[in-house]
Amino acid sequence: MPLPSARHTVALLALGLTACGGKDVRPVTDPCVESTAADPASGTCAPLRLQCEKDLSGFKTDRYVWRDRDCHVRSVSLVRNDAADPAGWNGGYIRRYTYEVAGAERVCDGQSPQVPGWGMVTSHLKEGQTWGAWTQDVRGTGRFVFKGAHHALHELKWPLSLDGRVVQVTVQYLFATGRDHPLYAITHDASGFPANQIEADVRSPYGDLAFDGNANTDIAGLGWGDRYRFVTLASPVTMNTGWDYREPNVVPYTRMWTAAPDAEMGAVQTQTWEQKPAGGYWLYPEWGTRHAEGPMPVDYNWPYQLNQYELPAVTNSHRLAWGSNFGAVGLSRYPRLGDDGVMLSGHPYQSYSVFMVLGTHTANPVLSLASEVEAWQGVKLTASEGTVRTRGPGGVGRTDSVTYDVPGYNPVYATWEVDAASNRVTLAFDTSGRTLARPMLVVHGYTATTAPKTVTLEGQPLAADTDYFASVDVEGQALWLTLQRDLKGTATLKVQ
């Protein structure tokens, strides 16, 4: 069943159903009813908005509009995945992403006829009757998991066939006031068939977005991070460009950028490479090397898919995806990289989360965010009122529980998770001397129907919708709260 229209949502809720026919009844109010109040000017934080069933040149989209850490306007238009769209896909991707540059809106659209946006689910098989699989021809379902004043979760699902075996794929997008970039969380669920029947990689979120404001200019540079940082050394990037792979790296990422206009696009994982290896194949012997005169590595051996398969023909391809080793979906044991001998499990689940990053290259958004995620791993969170969670679901669409690498830090949503005591928590953060940027909390067991009356940091009261942004998930009995400030050193936060 598709996402509900505004006129259908209330009826579904009255019947005790969700848009997808499940028993999880969220939200209790119609998420598609828009406020008639005028939005404040950019630079003033405002509640997150959802515009349902918006027509975008024939594409049926759900548009999320939020304010980033500078309270500037950003938006994403997600194409619904329950019907064929004008590009010949079945939706399920970002068709348009907008953000502000120097006070003006920059509009970034999917423009490739073959890959009409960003966020596609893609896996390739090492062997099999079908070499690769996309959600292009797969009809899916979607729902609004939760839409609060400042936080929203949007879910898409597909039954993806890989060599005749159906992998159930769940994707959730998280949008939040005060957070620049949407979070993309994905699970490949292969529990419906035995292990070792297929050997597939993962490349989602896959896509092609004109991140330079639809200019489609040459790619001036690109790079990625696994255990080391790969970066090109000349512009525009061709298969003869020189490169450097010598700088150690902690948090996996991909990125590419243009010079005129000044723009960058990338993906940043919510975990370190040691916690969750990313990237694949056999390029790791080149770690620590520099090849100033090129050529670039052979296309099939890049750890992540970017624009390498288009580069022999064009230098302005904006293709960008993720990557893993073959076996990440399907094998009970697969090598972390190439045949390096460090074995991981790709069955029954493969889950991970990345931020989908757009901004100006001069602002260095990908590497800055990778540094922030790295700093989060050293945070120590304790509670004198309430309880810090140390376990949670291993990914979206999963019910199994895994232990967090960092107590309290949930890498599925890049949130700090605690349980309330009578709707109250008192939390102590120790950032180990680094900066904890704009922490987002999820307080579980929150049974109030309204936001907390008092939030203090180091004993000083914070102002709602200015110093923090709160959303109450009534049915899920959870409070989502994002601080509109960074923490460094020790700090005590009280919510009551």
Protein backbone atom coordinates (compact mmCIF):
# COMPACT_ATOMS: atom_id res chain seq x y z
CA MET A 1 0.00 0.00 0.00
CA PRO A 2 1.42 3.44 -0.86
CA LEU A 3 1.98 6.39 1.41
CA PRO A 4 -1.37 7.91 2.35
CA SER A 5 -2.68 11.11 0.95
CA ALA A 6 -3.83 13.73 3.43
CA ARG A 7 -7.48 12.75 3.03
CA HIS A 8 -6.70 9.07 3.72
CA THR A 9 -4.39 9.42 6.72
CA VAL A 10 -7.01 10.29 9.33
CA ALA A 11 -9.24 7.45 8.20
CA LEU A 12 -6.39 4.97 8.47
CA LEU A 13 -5.51 6.17 11.93
CA ALA A 14 -9.12 5.90 13.05
CA LEU A 15 -9.10 2.29 11.91
CA GLY A 16 -5.90 1.59 13.82
CA LEU A 17 -3.80 1.04 10.66
CA THR A 18 -0.65 2.50 9.18
CA ALA A 19 -0.10 3.34 5.57
CA CYS A 20 1.64 -0.01 5.10
CA GLY A 21 -0.95 -2.11 6.85
CA GLY A 22 1.08 -2.73 10.01
CA LYS A 23 0.12 -2.28 13.64
CA ASP A 24 2.50 0.60 14.35
CA VAL A 25 0.10 3.57 14.47
CA ARG A 26 2.21 6.70 13.98
CA PRO A 27 1.64 9.57 13.94
CA VAL A 28 -1.67 10.18 15.72
CA THR A 29 -2.29 13.40 13.79
CA ASP A 30 -2.29 13.88 10.04
CA PRO A 31 1.33 14.60 9.04
CA CYS A 32 0.23 16.01 5.69
CA VAL A 33 -1.83 18.91 7.04
CA GLU A 34 0.32 21.98 6.48
CA SER A 35 0.33 25.01 8.70
CA THR A 36 -1.15 28.09 7.10
CA ALA A 37 1.19 30.37 9.03
CA ALA A 38 3.90 32.10 7.06
CA ASP A 39 7.43 30.80 7.55
CA PRO A 40 9.88 33.14 9.25
CA ALA A 41 12.79 34.45 7.24
CA SER A 42 15.86 32.34 6.66
CA GLY A 43 18.18 32.55 9.63
CA THR A 44 15.32 32.08 12.07
CA CYS A 45 14.68 28.49 13.08
CA ALA A 46 11.19 27.22 12.33
CA PRO A 47 9.42 23.87 12.63
CA LEU A 48 10.05 21.18 10.05
CA ARG A 49 7.42 21.00 7.31
CA LEU A 50 6.15 18.07 5.27
CA GLN A 51 4.40 18.69 1.95
CA CYS A 52 2.73 15.51 0.72
CA GLU A 53 2.09 14.41 -2.85
CA LYS A 54 3.81 17.42 -4.37
CA ASP A 55 4.03 17.25 -8.14
CA LEU A 56 7.55 17.93 -9.42
CA SER A 57 7.32 17.92 -13.20
CA GLY A 58 5.35 14.68 -13.12
CA PHE A 59 7.24 13.09 -10.21
CA LYS A 60 5.02 12.46 -7.18
CA THR A 61 7.10 13.52 -4.21
CA ASP A 62 6.94 14.07 -0.47
CA ARG A 63 8.88 17.24 0.30
CA TYR A 64 10.59 17.82 3.65
CA VAL A 65 11.61 21.39 4.49
CA TRP A 66 13.81 22.03 7.52
CA ARG A 67 16.27 24.55 8.96
CA ASP A 68 19.94 23.59 9.25
CA ARG A 69 22.41 24.50 12.02
CA ASP A 70 22.45 28.11 10.77
CA CYS A 71 18.65 28.04 10.53
CA HIS A 72 18.89 28.35 6.76
CA VAL A 73 16.28 26.56 4.68
CA ARG A 74 16.97 23.13 3.21
CA SER A 75 14.59 20.75 1.47
CA VAL A 76 14.47 17.28 -0.03
CA SER A 77 11.86 15.97 -2.46
CA LEU A 78 11.52 12.17 -2.19
CA VAL A 79 9.86 10.37 -5.10
CA ARG A 80 7.23 7.88 -3.92
CA ASN A 81 8.17 4.26 -4.56
CA ASP A 82 4.75 2.72 -5.21
CA ALA A 83 4.32 3.52 -8.92
CA ALA A 84 6.32 4.12 -12.08
CA ASP A 85 7.68 7.66 -12.39
CA PRO A 86 8.47 9.71 -15.53
CA ALA A 87 12.08 8.46 -15.53
CA GLY A 88 10.97 4.83 -15.77
CA TRP A 89 11.86 4.05 -12.15
CA ASN A 90 9.62 3.17 -9.24
CA GLY A 91 10.78 6.15 -7.20
CA GLY A 92 12.39 5.82 -3.80
CA TYR A 93 15.08 8.48 -4.26
CA ILE A 94 15.78 12.20 -3.85
CA ARG A 95 14.76 13.98 -7.02
CA ARG A 96 15.54 17.49 -5.73
CA TYR A 97 17.73 18.77 -2.89
CA THR A 98 17.87 22.51 -2.11
CA TYR A 99 20.01 24.54 0.26
CA GLU A 100 21.19 28.13 0.60
CA VAL A 101 24.40 29.66 -0.69
CA ALA A 102 25.11 33.33 0.04
CA GLY A 103 21.45 34.00 0.78
CA ALA A 104 20.13 32.39 -2.40
CA GLU A 105 18.50 29.02 -2.94
CA ARG A 106 20.62 26.45 -4.78
CA VAL A 107 18.45 23.84 -6.53
CA CYS A 108 20.05 20.47 -7.25
CA ASP A 109 18.08 18.00 -9.38
CA GLY A 110 18.51 14.50 -10.65
CA GLN A 111 19.24 15.05 -14.35
CA SER A 112 20.73 11.81 -15.63
CA PRO A 113 18.19 9.89 -17.76
CA GLN A 114 19.56 6.59 -16.44
CA VAL A 115 19.95 7.57 -12.78
CA PRO A 116 17.37 10.31 -12.04
CA GLY A 117 18.30 11.17 -8.44
CA TRP A 118 20.14 10.09 -5.31
CA GLY A 119 19.28 7.38 -2.79
CA MET A 120 18.69 4.39 -5.05
CA VAL A 121 19.18 0.90 -3.62
CA THR A 122 21.81 -0.96 -5.64
CA SER A 123 23.70 -4.23 -5.14
CA HIS A 124 25.97 -6.10 -7.51
CA LEU A 125 26.52 -9.85 -7.50
CA LYS A 126 29.97 -11.35 -7.82
CA GLU A 127 28.45 -14.27 -9.71
CA GLY A 128 24.96 -15.36 -10.67
CA GLN A 129 22.26 -15.23 -13.29
CA THR A 130 21.74 -11.54 -12.68
CA TRP A 131 24.93 -9.57 -12.16
CA GLY A 132 23.29 -6.61 -10.42
CA ALA A 133 19.98 -5.42 -9.06
CA TRP A 134 18.37 -2.02 -8.61
CA THR A 135 15.02 -0.89 -7.26
CA GLN A 136 14.33 0.62 -10.68
CA ASP A 137 11.76 -2.03 -11.61
CA VAL A 138 10.70 -2.98 -8.07
CA ARG A 139 7.41 -1.67 -6.70
CA GLY A 140 7.74 -0.74 -3.03
CA THR A 141 5.81 0.71 -0.09
CA GLY A 142 6.35 3.70 2.13
CA ARG A 143 5.10 5.36 5.28
CA PHE A 144 5.62 8.32 7.56
CA VAL A 145 7.12 6.67 10.64
CA PHE A 146 7.10 9.83 12.71
CA LYS A 147 6.61 13.55 12.04
CA GLY A 148 7.13 15.89 14.97
CA ALA A 149 7.67 19.61 15.28
CA HIS A 150 11.38 19.34 14.49
CA HIS A 151 12.12 15.70 13.60
CA ALA A 152 10.78 13.31 10.97
CA LEU A 153 11.40 9.71 9.87
CA HIS A 154 10.36 8.60 6.40
CA GLU A 155 10.49 4.91 5.49
CA LEU A 156 10.66 3.07 2.16
CA LYS A 157 10.66 -0.71 1.62
CA TRP A 158 11.32 -3.02 -1.34
CA PRO A 159 11.51 -6.78 -2.02
CA LEU A 160 14.78 -6.79 -3.98
CA SER A 161 15.52 -9.93 -6.02
CA LEU A 162 19.17 -10.96 -6.20
CA ASP A 163 19.72 -14.03 -8.36
CA GLY A 164 16.24 -15.27 -7.49
CA ARG A 165 16.58 -14.71 -3.74
CA VAL A 166 14.49 -11.90 -2.28
CA VAL A 167 16.29 -9.50 0.02
CA GLN A 168 13.92 -7.27 1.98
CA VAL A 169 15.32 -3.74 1.94
CA THR A 170 14.32 -1.01 4.40
CA VAL A 171 15.48 2.59 4.08
CA GLN A 172 14.72 5.42 6.48
CA TYR A 173 15.48 9.11 6.01
CA LEU A 174 15.85 11.25 9.14
CA PHE A 175 15.35 15.01 8.87
CA ALA A 176 15.84 17.34 11.83
CA THR A 177 15.93 21.04 12.62
CA GLY A 178 19.47 22.08 13.47
CA ARG A 179 21.08 19.24 11.52
CA ASP A 180 22.41 20.16 8.09
CA HIS A 181 22.28 16.83 6.32
CA PRO A 182 19.63 14.11 6.01
CA LEU A 183 20.56 10.74 7.44
CA TYR A 184 20.08 7.65 5.27
CA ALA A 185 19.77 4.36 7.18
CA ILE A 186 19.48 1.06 5.29
CA THR A 187 19.05 -2.63 6.11
CA HIS A 188 19.35 -5.56 3.72
CA ASP A 189 17.42 -8.44 5.29
CA ALA A 190 18.38 -11.80 3.80
CA SER A 191 16.86 -13.85 6.62
CA GLY A 192 14.28 -15.32 4.25
CA PHE A 193 16.80 -17.76 2.76
CA PRO A 194 19.88 -19.65 4.03
CA ALA A 195 23.30 -18.08 4.17
CA ASN A 196 25.80 -18.42 1.32
CA GLN A 197 23.23 -18.54 -1.47
CA ILE A 198 24.32 -15.19 -2.96
CA GLU A 199 27.45 -13.01 -2.79
CA ALA A 200 26.50 -9.36 -3.28
CA ASP A 201 27.98 -5.99 -2.41
CA VAL A 202 26.14 -2.80 -1.35
CA ARG A 203 26.29 0.58 -3.11
CA SER A 204 23.39 2.47 -1.57
CA PRO A 205 22.71 5.36 -1.48
CA TYR A 206 23.44 5.30 -5.20
CA GLY A 207 22.74 8.30 -7.33
CA ASP A 208 23.45 11.12 -9.71
CA LEU A 209 22.51 14.62 -8.56
CA ALA A 210 23.49 17.93 -10.15
CA PHE A 211 24.85 19.14 -6.80
CA ASP A 212 26.38 22.26 -8.41
CA GLY A 213 23.01 23.95 -8.78
CA ASN A 214 22.20 22.08 -12.02
CA ALA A 215 25.26 23.58 -13.74
CA ASN A 216 26.62 20.11 -14.63
CA THR A 217 30.18 21.41 -14.70
CA ASP A 218 33.37 19.34 -14.65
CA ILE A 219 34.28 17.49 -11.47
CA ALA A 220 37.22 19.41 -10.04
CA GLY A 221 38.16 16.77 -7.49
CA LEU A 222 37.04 13.67 -5.68
CA GLY A 223 38.08 11.38 -2.90
CA TRP A 224 37.10 8.83 -0.30
CA GLY A 225 38.08 7.53 3.09
CA ASP A 226 38.56 3.96 4.25
CA ARG A 227 41.62 3.38 6.44
CA TYR A 228 43.33 6.15 4.46
CA ARG A 229 42.17 9.24 2.60
CA PHE A 230 42.30 9.20 -1.18
CA VAL A 231 42.27 12.60 -2.92
CA THR A 232 42.85 13.68 -6.52
CA LEU A 233 45.54 16.27 -7.29
CA ALA A 234 44.40 18.03 -10.49
CA SER A 235 41.27 19.44 -12.10
CA PRO A 236 39.23 18.36 -13.94
CA VAL A 237 39.39 14.73 -12.87
CA THR A 238 40.20 12.25 -15.65
CA MET A 239 41.48 8.70 -15.59
CA ASN A 240 45.01 10.18 -15.93
CA THR A 241 44.77 12.44 -12.86
CA GLY A 242 47.34 12.10 -10.09
CA TRP A 243 46.34 11.18 -6.55
CA ASP A 244 47.45 10.89 -2.93
CA TYR A 245 46.43 8.05 -0.57
CA ARG A 246 48.76 8.71 2.38
CA GLU A 247 46.71 10.36 5.14
CA PRO A 248 45.26 8.00 7.78
CA ASN A 249 41.47 8.10 8.15
CA VAL A 250 38.95 7.13 10.83
CA VAL A 251 35.37 7.65 9.55
CA PRO A 252 34.42 6.34 6.07
CA TYR A 253 33.21 8.85 3.48
CA THR A 254 32.96 9.63 -0.22
CA ARG A 255 32.98 13.08 -1.83
CA MET A 256 33.36 15.04 -5.06
CA TRP A 257 33.32 18.74 -5.82
CA THR A 258 33.17 21.41 -8.50
CA ALA A 259 35.09 24.69 -8.66
CA ALA A 260 32.67 26.99 -10.47
CA PRO A 261 30.20 26.99 -8.92
CA ASP A 262 31.70 26.12 -5.55
CA ALA A 263 29.89 22.92 -4.55
CA GLU A 264 30.44 19.56 -2.87
CA MET A 265 28.49 16.33 -2.49
CA GLY A 266 29.29 13.29 -0.38
CA ALA A 267 28.32 10.64 2.13
CA VAL A 268 29.68 10.23 5.67
CA GLN A 269 29.16 7.12 7.78
CA THR A 270 27.90 7.36 11.38
CA GLN A 271 30.57 4.93 12.62
CA THR A 272 34.31 4.56 12.33
CA TRP A 273 35.93 2.22 9.83
CA GLU A 274 37.03 -0.06 12.68
CA GLN A 275 33.45 -0.25 14.00
CA LYS A 276 31.87 -0.70 10.57
CA PRO A 277 34.24 -1.30 7.64
CA ALA A 278 33.17 0.38 4.41
CA GLY A 279 34.61 0.30 0.94
CA GLY A 280 35.69 -2.87 -0.76
CA TYR A 281 37.78 -4.67 -3.36
CA TRP A 282 41.57 -4.80 -3.70
CA LEU A 283 43.10 -1.29 -3.70
CA TYR A 284 44.33 -1.40 -0.09
CA PRO A 285 47.96 -2.27 -1.04
CA GLU A 286 48.12 1.36 -2.26
CA TRP A 287 47.44 2.76 1.22
CA GLY A 288 50.22 5.19 2.15
CA THR A 289 51.26 5.91 -1.46
CA ARG A 290 51.20 8.93 -3.76
CA HIS A 291 51.02 8.89 -7.57
CA ALA A 292 51.32 12.53 -8.53
CA GLU A 293 51.32 11.85 -12.26
CA GLY A 294 48.52 9.29 -12.23
CA PRO A 295 46.92 7.34 -13.71
CA MET A 296 43.87 6.78 -11.56
CA PRO A 297 43.23 3.27 -10.20
CA VAL A 298 41.49 0.89 -12.59
CA ASP A 299 37.75 1.59 -12.46
CA TYR A 300 36.55 -1.72 -10.97
CA ASN A 301 38.97 -1.43 -8.05
CA TRP A 302 37.83 1.86 -6.49
CA PRO A 303 36.61 1.05 -2.93
CA TYR A 304 33.45 3.05 -3.58
CA GLN A 305 31.60 3.69 -6.81
CA LEU A 306 31.85 7.28 -7.94
CA ASN A 307 32.09 8.50 -11.54
CA GLN A 308 34.86 6.15 -12.67
CA TYR A 309 32.74 4.28 -15.20
CA GLU A 310 31.73 7.54 -16.90
CA LEU A 311 35.18 9.18 -16.82
CA PRO A 312 36.55 7.69 -20.03
CA ALA A 313 33.79 9.50 -21.91
CA VAL A 314 32.91 12.61 -19.85
CA THR A 315 34.41 14.67 -17.01
CA ASN A 316 31.17 16.11 -15.66
CA SER A 317 29.43 12.96 -14.37
CA HIS A 318 28.02 13.60 -10.88
CA ARG A 319 27.61 9.90 -10.05
CA LEU A 320 28.27 9.06 -6.38
CA ALA A 321 27.53 5.94 -4.34
CA TRP A 322 28.73 3.83 -1.41
CA GLY A 323 30.61 0.55 -1.46
CA SER A 324 31.47 -2.73 0.25
CA ASN A 325 33.14 -6.00 -0.50
CA PHE A 326 31.28 -8.80 -2.24
CA GLY A 327 29.51 -10.98 0.31
CA ALA A 328 28.31 -8.04 2.40
CA VAL A 329 24.85 -9.34 1.51
CA GLY A 330 24.38 -13.09 1.66
CA LEU A 331 27.55 -14.67 3.01
CA SER A 332 27.90 -15.83 6.60
CA ARG A 333 31.56 -14.86 6.35
CA TYR A 334 33.11 -12.50 3.82
CA PRO A 335 36.48 -10.69 3.74
CA ARG A 336 36.45 -7.07 4.89
CA LEU A 337 38.48 -5.97 1.87
CA GLY A 338 39.50 -7.99 -1.15
CA ASP A 339 40.97 -11.12 0.42
CA ASP A 340 42.57 -9.48 3.48
CA GLY A 341 41.48 -12.34 5.74
CA VAL A 342 39.52 -10.28 8.27
CA MET A 343 36.07 -11.86 8.11
CA LEU A 344 32.69 -10.18 8.64
CA SER A 345 29.10 -11.42 8.49
CA GLY A 346 26.67 -10.52 5.69
CA HIS A 347 23.83 -12.78 6.76
CA PRO A 348 21.08 -12.45 7.84
CA TYR A 349 21.47 -8.64 7.91
CA GLN A 350 23.60 -5.87 6.49
CA SER A 351 22.83 -2.45 7.99
CA TYR A 352 24.57 0.92 8.03
CA SER A 353 23.81 4.65 8.07
CA VAL A 354 25.34 7.63 6.27
CA PHE A 355 24.72 11.36 6.12
CA MET A 356 23.87 12.67 2.64
CA VAL A 357 25.96 15.83 2.37
CA LEU A 358 25.58 18.88 0.12
CA GLY A 359 27.28 22.24 0.60
CA THR A 360 30.03 24.47 -0.74
CA HIS A 361 33.44 22.89 -1.19
CA THR A 362 35.12 25.84 0.55
CA ALA A 363 33.11 25.00 3.70
CA ASN A 364 34.61 21.47 3.59
CA PRO A 365 31.33 19.79 4.67
CA VAL A 366 32.28 16.12 4.17
CA LEU A 367 35.60 16.16 6.00
CA SER A 368 34.18 18.43 8.71
CA LEU A 369 31.33 16.02 9.36
CA ALA A 370 33.70 13.05 9.34
CA SER A 371 35.70 14.84 12.04
CA GLU A 372 32.53 15.42 14.08
CA VAL A 373 31.54 11.75 13.87
CA GLU A 374 35.05 10.77 14.93
CA ALA A 375 34.82 13.05 17.97
CA TRP A 376 31.48 11.52 19.01
CA GLN A 377 33.17 8.15 19.50
CA GLY A 378 35.15 9.44 22.48
CA VAL A 379 32.16 10.86 24.38
CA LYS A 380 31.28 9.39 27.77
CA LEU A 381 27.60 9.71 28.68
CA THR A 382 26.29 8.94 32.17
CA ALA A 383 22.93 9.49 33.88
CA SER A 384 22.12 10.36 37.49
CA GLU A 385 18.42 10.43 36.60
CA GLY A 386 17.23 8.00 33.96
CA THR A 387 19.37 5.34 32.29
CA VAL A 388 21.82 5.43 29.40
CA ARG A 389 21.02 2.78 26.79
CA THR A 390 23.82 0.41 25.88
CA ARG A 391 21.93 -1.71 23.33
CA GLY A 392 19.43 -1.22 20.56
CA PRO A 393 18.22 -2.57 17.20
CA GLY A 394 21.02 -3.38 14.79
CA GLY A 395 19.44 -1.31 12.01
CA VAL A 396 16.21 0.01 10.57
CA GLY A 397 13.55 -2.63 10.05
CA ARG A 398 15.20 -4.94 12.60
CA THR A 399 14.11 -6.17 16.03
CA ASP A 400 17.35 -7.87 17.09
CA SER A 401 19.42 -6.07 19.70
CA VAL A 402 23.14 -5.24 19.43
CA THR A 403 25.55 -3.62 21.87
CA TYR A 404 26.54 -0.04 21.08
CA ASP A 405 30.26 0.55 20.59
CA VAL A 406 29.88 3.77 22.57
CA PRO A 407 27.36 3.55 25.45
CA GLY A 408 24.38 5.74 24.60
CA TYR A 409 25.38 6.42 20.99
CA ASN A 410 23.00 4.83 18.48
CA PRO A 411 24.73 4.78 15.07
CA VAL A 412 21.47 3.97 13.27
CA TYR A 413 20.33 7.59 13.69
CA ALA A 414 23.49 9.21 15.15
CA THR A 415 21.53 9.89 18.33
CA TRP A 416 22.18 9.66 22.07
CA GLU A 417 19.66 7.23 23.57
CA VAL A 418 18.43 7.18 27.17
CA ASP A 419 15.45 5.94 29.18
CA ALA A 420 13.50 8.44 31.26
CA ALA A 421 12.68 8.26 34.93
CA SER A 422 9.19 9.74 35.37
CA ASN A 423 9.70 11.76 32.16
CA ARG A 424 12.94 13.23 33.48
CA VAL A 425 16.63 12.73 32.73
CA THR A 426 19.81 14.24 34.12
CA LEU A 427 22.75 13.51 31.85
CA ALA A 428 26.46 14.21 32.13
CA PHE A 429 28.51 14.49 28.94
CA ASP A 430 32.29 14.20 28.94
CA THR A 431 33.63 14.91 25.46
CA SER A 432 37.24 13.94 26.25
CA GLY A 433 38.44 17.36 25.18
CA ARG A 434 36.88 17.25 21.72
CA THR A 435 33.71 18.90 20.45
CA LEU A 436 30.36 17.14 20.50
CA ALA A 437 28.53 18.94 17.71
CA ARG A 438 24.79 19.56 18.08
CA PRO A 439 23.93 16.34 19.96
CA MET A 440 20.54 14.82 19.23
CA LEU A 441 18.86 12.91 22.10
CA VAL A 442 16.11 10.33 22.07
CA VAL A 443 14.52 9.97 25.49
CA HIS A 444 12.54 6.72 25.64
CA GLY A 445 9.72 6.02 28.07
CA TYR A 446 8.56 9.61 27.72
CA THR A 447 4.82 9.41 28.38
CA ALA A 448 3.96 13.12 28.34
CA THR A 449 2.08 14.40 25.31
CA THR A 450 3.82 17.78 25.26
CA ALA A 451 7.43 18.93 25.17
CA PRO A 452 9.27 19.30 28.51
CA LYS A 453 8.70 22.47 30.52
CA THR A 454 12.32 22.89 31.54
CA VAL A 455 15.62 22.09 29.86
CA THR A 456 18.84 23.29 31.48
CA LEU A 457 22.51 23.04 30.55
CA GLU A 458 24.98 23.52 33.39
CA GLY A 459 22.11 24.89 35.44
CA GLN A 460 21.21 27.57 32.90
CA PRO A 461 17.73 27.42 31.34
CA LEU A 462 17.54 26.85 27.61
CA ALA A 463 14.90 28.39 25.36
CA ALA A 464 12.70 26.07 23.31
CA ASP A 465 12.97 26.52 19.53
CA THR A 466 16.11 28.60 19.99
CA ASP A 467 18.58 26.69 22.18
CA TYR A 468 17.02 23.31 21.51
CA PHE A 469 14.41 21.73 19.25
CA ALA A 470 12.01 19.14 20.66
CA SER A 471 9.52 16.71 19.12
CA VAL A 472 7.21 14.38 21.04
CA ASP A 473 6.45 10.99 19.55
CA VAL A 474 3.30 10.24 21.54
CA GLU A 475 2.68 6.74 20.20
CA GLY A 476 6.33 5.76 20.42
CA GLN A 477 6.60 7.32 23.89
CA ALA A 478 9.79 9.13 22.99
CA LEU A 479 11.12 12.67 23.14
CA TRP A 480 13.47 13.76 20.37
CA LEU A 481 15.61 16.74 21.35
CA THR A 482 18.42 18.45 19.43
CA LEU A 483 20.69 20.94 21.16
CA GLN A 484 21.44 24.00 19.07
CA ARG A 485 24.95 24.25 20.42
CA ASP A 486 28.16 22.30 20.68
CA LEU A 487 29.49 20.73 23.88
CA LYS A 488 33.14 20.55 24.88
CA GLY A 489 34.56 19.18 28.11
CA THR A 490 31.99 18.26 30.75
CA ALA A 491 28.39 19.42 30.75
CA THR A 492 25.23 18.44 32.59
CA LEU A 493 21.91 18.48 30.77
CA LYS A 494 18.59 18.23 32.59
CA VAL A 495 15.24 17.58 30.95
CA GLN A 496 12.13 17.75 33.16
